[in-house]
Amino acid sequence: MRHKKLLFCTVILLLLGLTGLQAQKTIYVMGVDGNQTTVVVEKIEFPSLGTITVKTPAGSISVPTEEIRYVSFVDFTSSIPPLPETSKGNIRLFPNPAVDVLNIQLMSASLQSATIEILSIDGKVVYAQKINSQNNLVDVSFLSRGLYLCRFNNGTIVETVKFLKQ
């Protein structure tokens, strides 16, 4: 039995060697500007403090580390599925996840104006704005990535809807 296992392992190693096994891996690099780049990497080096050099099949790329938010072997941007348009009785938020602008649609024609507050997940108000049916865009580009609450208040109705900032 031991002989069969040894023979099997030898054949597998020989087949792997004949197929030209390459040490290439796809990495995902998120820049501080929020743009993600996918790179097939053969080798990563740190030639000096503050610089990363990536060797790819097409050549080498050197990038200052202060321009990189993170490097990962997992594509985090595609691992979060898009949420459906979030709506409660009187308001609808889209797109969700939001990148720079959150559109807030007042669902009832009887709602003339309201106050919108954006709260962090720990309940702190990070933004407040009065909206109406003509002015319903909220700039969320200053927010960090994460889960937020949007509280709608028109004096008689208070509703809270969750949204993601990407």
Protein backbone atom coordinates (compact mmCIF):
# COMPACT_ATOMS: atom_id res chain seq x y z
CA MET A 1 0.00 0.00 0.00
CA ARG A 2 2.81 2.40 0.88
CA HIS A 3 4.42 1.68 -2.51
CA LYS A 4 1.20 2.68 -4.35
CA LYS A 5 1.00 6.01 -2.48
CA LEU A 6 4.64 6.78 -3.26
CA LEU A 7 4.14 5.91 -6.94
CA PHE A 8 0.97 8.04 -7.10
CA CYS A 9 2.72 11.06 -5.51
CA THR A 10 5.66 10.70 -7.89
CA VAL A 11 3.38 10.65 -10.94
CA ILE A 12 1.48 13.72 -9.72
CA LEU A 13 4.71 15.66 -9.12
CA LEU A 14 6.03 14.64 -12.54
CA LEU A 15 2.80 15.78 -14.25
CA LEU A 16 2.90 19.11 -12.44
CA GLY A 17 6.50 19.62 -13.52
CA LEU A 18 5.68 18.81 -17.14
CA THR A 19 2.78 21.24 -17.29
CA GLY A 20 5.09 24.17 -16.65
CA LEU A 21 3.67 25.19 -13.29
CA GLN A 22 4.04 28.93 -12.98
CA ALA A 23 4.10 31.02 -9.83
CA GLN A 24 1.59 33.58 -11.05
CA LYS A 25 -1.20 34.94 -8.90
CA THR A 26 -3.83 37.58 -9.46
CA ILE A 27 -3.77 40.42 -6.95
CA TYR A 28 -6.16 43.31 -6.47
CA VAL A 29 -4.65 46.71 -5.72
CA MET A 30 -6.88 49.46 -4.32
CA GLY A 31 -5.43 52.94 -4.74
CA VAL A 32 -6.06 55.81 -2.35
CA ASP A 33 -8.22 57.33 -5.11
CA GLY A 34 -10.69 54.43 -4.72
CA ASN A 35 -9.87 52.76 -8.06
CA GLN A 36 -9.04 49.07 -8.04
CA THR A 37 -6.60 47.48 -10.47
CA THR A 38 -6.25 43.76 -11.14
CA VAL A 39 -2.68 42.56 -11.80
CA VAL A 40 -1.29 39.12 -12.66
CA VAL A 41 1.89 38.92 -10.60
CA GLU A 42 4.99 36.79 -10.93
CA LYS A 43 6.95 38.46 -8.14
CA ILE A 44 6.56 41.30 -5.63
CA GLU A 45 9.61 43.18 -4.34
CA PHE A 46 10.20 46.06 -1.96
CA PRO A 47 13.42 47.56 -3.39
CA SER A 48 13.40 50.56 -1.06
CA LEU A 49 11.40 51.96 1.78
CA GLY A 50 8.15 53.39 0.41
CA THR A 51 8.26 51.61 -2.98
CA ILE A 52 6.71 48.36 -4.20
CA THR A 53 7.77 46.73 -7.48
CA VAL A 54 5.46 44.20 -9.12
CA LYS A 55 6.86 41.93 -11.82
CA THR A 56 4.16 40.88 -14.30
CA PRO A 57 4.35 38.82 -17.49
CA ALA A 58 4.31 42.15 -19.39
CA GLY A 59 7.10 43.82 -17.37
CA SER A 60 7.68 45.58 -14.06
CA ILE A 61 5.65 48.27 -12.34
CA SER A 62 7.01 50.42 -9.48
CA VAL A 63 4.53 52.28 -7.29
CA PRO A 64 5.00 54.44 -4.17
CA THR A 65 3.31 52.75 -1.21
CA GLU A 66 1.52 55.97 -0.20
CA GLU A 67 -0.59 55.64 -3.39
CA ILE A 68 -1.87 52.19 -2.32
CA ARG A 69 -4.76 51.69 0.10
CA TYR A 70 -4.44 47.89 0.15
CA VAL A 71 -3.22 44.85 -1.80
CA SER A 72 -5.29 41.67 -1.61
CA PHE A 73 -5.63 38.24 -3.18
CA VAL A 74 -9.43 38.58 -2.87
CA ASP A 75 -11.54 40.96 -4.95
CA PHE A 76 -13.42 42.78 -2.19
CA THR A 77 -15.33 45.04 -4.59
CA SER A 78 -17.08 42.13 -6.29
CA SER A 79 -17.63 40.19 -3.07
CA ILE A 80 -20.33 42.67 -2.00
CA PRO A 81 -23.39 42.02 -4.11
CA PRO A 82 -25.38 45.10 -5.11
CA LEU A 83 -28.37 45.66 -2.88
CA PRO A 84 -31.80 46.23 -4.37
CA GLU A 85 -33.13 49.76 -4.34
CA THR A 86 -33.98 50.35 -0.72
CA SER A 87 -37.35 51.75 -0.03
CA LYS A 88 -39.69 52.19 2.87
CA GLY A 89 -43.16 53.63 2.75
CA ASN A 90 -42.23 57.24 1.99
CA ILE A 91 -38.64 57.28 0.72
CA ARG A 92 -36.48 55.32 -1.73
CA LEU A 93 -32.65 55.37 -1.77
CA PHE A 94 -30.55 54.54 -4.81
CA PRO A 95 -27.97 53.50 -5.89
CA ASN A 96 -27.20 51.19 -3.02
CA PRO A 97 -24.24 50.79 -2.47
CA ALA A 98 -23.58 54.48 -3.11
CA VAL A 99 -20.21 55.78 -4.29
CA ASP A 100 -20.39 59.60 -4.49
CA VAL A 101 -24.07 60.59 -4.65
CA LEU A 102 -27.15 59.13 -2.97
CA ASN A 103 -30.48 59.85 -4.66
CA ILE A 104 -33.42 60.13 -2.29
CA GLN A 105 -36.84 59.85 -3.88
CA LEU A 106 -39.89 61.01 -1.97
CA MET A 107 -42.55 58.42 -2.81
CA SER A 108 -45.62 60.41 -1.85
CA ALA A 109 -46.68 63.60 -3.65
CA SER A 110 -48.02 64.91 -0.35
CA LEU A 111 -44.49 65.10 1.06
CA GLN A 112 -43.27 68.60 0.23
CA SER A 113 -40.00 68.69 2.15
CA ALA A 114 -38.14 66.86 4.86
CA THR A 115 -34.88 66.70 6.73
CA ILE A 116 -32.50 63.89 5.89
CA GLU A 117 -29.88 62.87 8.43
CA ILE A 118 -27.12 60.37 7.70
CA LEU A 119 -26.06 58.47 10.78
CA SER A 120 -23.02 56.28 11.30
CA ILE A 121 -23.71 52.75 12.48
CA ASP A 122 -23.03 53.87 16.07
CA GLY A 123 -25.84 56.47 15.82
CA LYS A 124 -23.85 59.68 15.37
CA VAL A 125 -25.27 62.21 12.90
CA VAL A 126 -22.56 62.76 10.26
CA TYR A 127 -24.62 64.82 7.81
CA ALA A 128 -27.95 66.66 7.69
CA GLN A 129 -29.74 68.33 4.79
CA LYS A 130 -33.21 69.61 3.93
CA ILE A 131 -34.59 67.99 0.77
CA ASN A 132 -37.67 68.38 -1.40
CA SER A 133 -38.89 66.81 -4.62
CA GLN A 134 -36.53 69.02 -6.69
CA ASN A 135 -33.47 68.90 -4.39
CA ASN A 136 -33.00 65.25 -3.52
CA LEU A 137 -29.32 64.43 -4.17
CA VAL A 138 -26.98 63.96 -1.24
CA ASP A 139 -23.20 64.07 -1.68
CA VAL A 140 -21.76 61.09 0.25
CA SER A 141 -18.25 61.16 -1.24
CA PHE A 142 -16.79 62.39 2.08
CA LEU A 143 -18.05 59.30 3.97
CA SER A 144 -15.80 56.32 4.68
CA ARG A 145 -16.80 52.95 3.28
CA GLY A 146 -19.35 51.17 5.44
CA LEU A 147 -22.95 50.84 6.53
CA TYR A 148 -24.97 54.01 7.27
CA LEU A 149 -28.52 54.92 8.21
CA CYS A 150 -30.55 57.58 6.43
CA ARG A 151 -33.21 59.09 8.69
CA PHE A 152 -36.14 60.87 7.03
CA ASN A 153 -38.16 63.35 9.12
CA ASN A 154 -40.88 65.68 7.82
CA GLY A 155 -42.32 66.62 11.20
CA THR A 156 -45.00 63.93 11.28
CA ILE A 157 -43.24 60.91 9.75
CA VAL A 158 -39.84 59.54 10.78
CA GLU A 159 -38.34 56.65 8.79
CA THR A 160 -34.86 55.15 8.76
CA VAL A 161 -33.35 53.24 5.82
CA LYS A 162 -29.95 51.51 5.65
CA PHE A 163 -27.46 52.03 2.81
CA LEU A 164 -23.88 51.10 2.02
CA LYS A 165 -21.17 53.59 1.11
CA GLN A 166 -18.63 52.00 -1.19
